[in-house]
Amino acid sequence: MADVDGQFDVTVKSPMGDQNSVLTVKSDGDSFTGQMAGSMGSMDIENGSVDGNTLKWKMDMTVPMPMTLECTATVDGDAISGEVVAGAFGAMALSGSRKA
């Protein structure tokens, strides 16, 4: 089973510029919990699922506007990459690496 647990420094390429945050992943079988914390505050992970080394989750953003974000990411060793789908704004690339 892939090691998806840990903290990752991630960058989301948003329309407002790069948003840096820390993604915390704590898996339990085929599900996971955690949060994404950055300059816009922190968001709890909801409906987190683990399929091999692929993570899927949702987050409710409140700043700068209320919106549900749908996220997918793949952990490859210490690297993580994927996308965040933000309603009308479409998909934004997510990438980063595991904290040492």
Protein backbone atom coordinates (compact mmCIF):
# COMPACT_ATOMS: atom_id res chain seq x y z
CA MET A 1 0.00 0.00 0.00
CA ALA A 2 1.29 3.44 -0.91
CA ASP A 3 2.40 5.77 1.86
CA VAL A 4 0.13 8.78 1.42
CA ASP A 5 0.29 9.99 5.03
CA GLY A 6 2.13 13.11 6.06
CA GLN A 7 2.34 16.81 5.47
CA PHE A 8 2.90 18.19 2.00
CA ASP A 9 3.93 21.71 0.96
CA VAL A 10 1.57 22.31 -1.95
CA THR A 11 0.96 25.10 -4.44
CA VAL A 12 -2.37 25.59 -6.21
CA LYS A 13 -2.24 27.64 -9.44
CA SER A 14 -5.30 29.82 -8.82
CA PRO A 15 -6.67 32.76 -10.85
CA MET A 16 -5.42 34.96 -7.98
CA GLY A 17 -1.88 33.65 -8.30
CA ASP A 18 -0.09 30.77 -6.63
CA GLN A 19 -1.67 29.74 -3.32
CA ASN A 20 0.79 27.98 -1.02
CA SER A 21 -0.47 25.79 1.79
CA VAL A 22 0.25 22.70 3.83
CA LEU A 23 -1.85 19.60 3.10
CA THR A 24 -2.07 17.15 6.01
CA VAL A 25 -3.12 13.59 5.19
CA LYS A 26 -3.97 10.91 7.77
CA SER A 27 -5.25 7.79 6.08
CA ASP A 28 -7.31 4.97 7.58
CA GLY A 29 -7.76 2.16 5.08
CA ASP A 30 -9.56 3.55 2.03
CA SER A 31 -10.42 6.90 3.61
CA PHE A 32 -8.46 9.83 5.02
CA THR A 33 -8.87 12.96 7.08
CA GLY A 34 -6.80 16.09 7.37
CA GLN A 35 -6.76 19.71 6.37
CA MET A 36 -5.25 22.23 4.01
CA ALA A 37 -3.88 25.30 5.77
CA GLY A 38 -2.49 28.42 4.12
CA SER A 39 -2.67 32.19 3.92
CA MET A 40 -6.45 32.02 3.31
CA GLY A 41 -6.98 30.03 6.51
CA SER A 42 -7.51 26.30 6.90
CA MET A 43 -10.11 23.99 5.38
CA ASP A 44 -11.00 20.55 6.69
CA ILE A 45 -10.95 17.64 4.26
CA GLU A 46 -14.36 16.07 3.69
CA ASN A 47 -15.18 12.72 2.06
CA GLY A 48 -11.47 11.87 1.75
CA SER A 49 -10.88 8.61 -0.13
CA VAL A 50 -7.69 6.66 -0.86
CA ASP A 51 -7.36 4.38 -3.90
CA GLY A 52 -3.79 3.08 -4.08
CA ASN A 53 -1.74 6.30 -4.19
CA THR A 54 -4.62 8.48 -5.41
CA LEU A 55 -6.44 10.81 -3.03
CA LYS A 56 -9.85 12.38 -3.65
CA TRP A 57 -11.54 14.87 -1.34
CA LYS A 58 -13.74 17.92 -1.02
CA MET A 59 -13.23 21.13 0.95
CA ASP A 60 -15.60 23.98 1.70
CA MET A 61 -13.84 27.26 1.02
CA THR A 62 -15.20 30.40 2.68
CA VAL A 63 -12.54 32.99 1.68
CA PRO A 64 -12.61 34.87 -0.63
CA MET A 65 -16.03 33.38 -1.49
CA PRO A 66 -18.05 30.34 -0.40
CA MET A 67 -17.40 27.43 -2.74
CA THR A 68 -16.93 23.66 -2.60
CA LEU A 69 -13.59 22.54 -3.98
CA GLU A 70 -13.27 19.05 -5.47
CA CYS A 71 -9.72 17.77 -5.33
CA THR A 72 -7.78 14.84 -6.76
CA ALA A 73 -4.08 14.17 -6.19
CA THR A 74 -1.59 11.37 -6.69
CA VAL A 75 1.28 10.74 -4.28
CA ASP A 76 4.43 9.46 -5.99
CA GLY A 77 7.16 8.93 -3.40
CA ASP A 78 7.58 12.37 -1.80
CA ALA A 79 5.87 14.24 -4.66
CA ILE A 80 2.18 15.07 -4.93
CA SER A 81 0.34 16.38 -7.97
CA GLY A 82 -3.26 16.76 -9.04
CA GLU A 83 -5.95 19.33 -9.48
CA VAL A 84 -8.50 21.36 -7.59
CA VAL A 85 -11.82 21.99 -9.34
CA ALA A 86 -13.36 25.24 -8.15
CA GLY A 87 -16.85 25.54 -9.59
CA ALA A 88 -17.07 28.15 -12.36
CA PHE A 89 -13.31 28.79 -12.13
CA GLY A 90 -12.59 25.30 -13.46
CA ALA A 91 -9.57 23.12 -12.70
CA MET A 92 -6.41 24.48 -11.09
CA ALA A 93 -3.15 22.52 -10.93
CA LEU A 94 -1.93 21.33 -7.53
CA SER A 95 1.66 20.24 -6.97
CA GLY A 96 4.08 19.88 -4.10
CA SER A 97 6.31 17.69 -2.01
CA ARG A 98 6.30 15.92 1.34
CA LYS A 99 7.77 17.87 4.24
CA ALA A 100 10.99 16.33 5.57
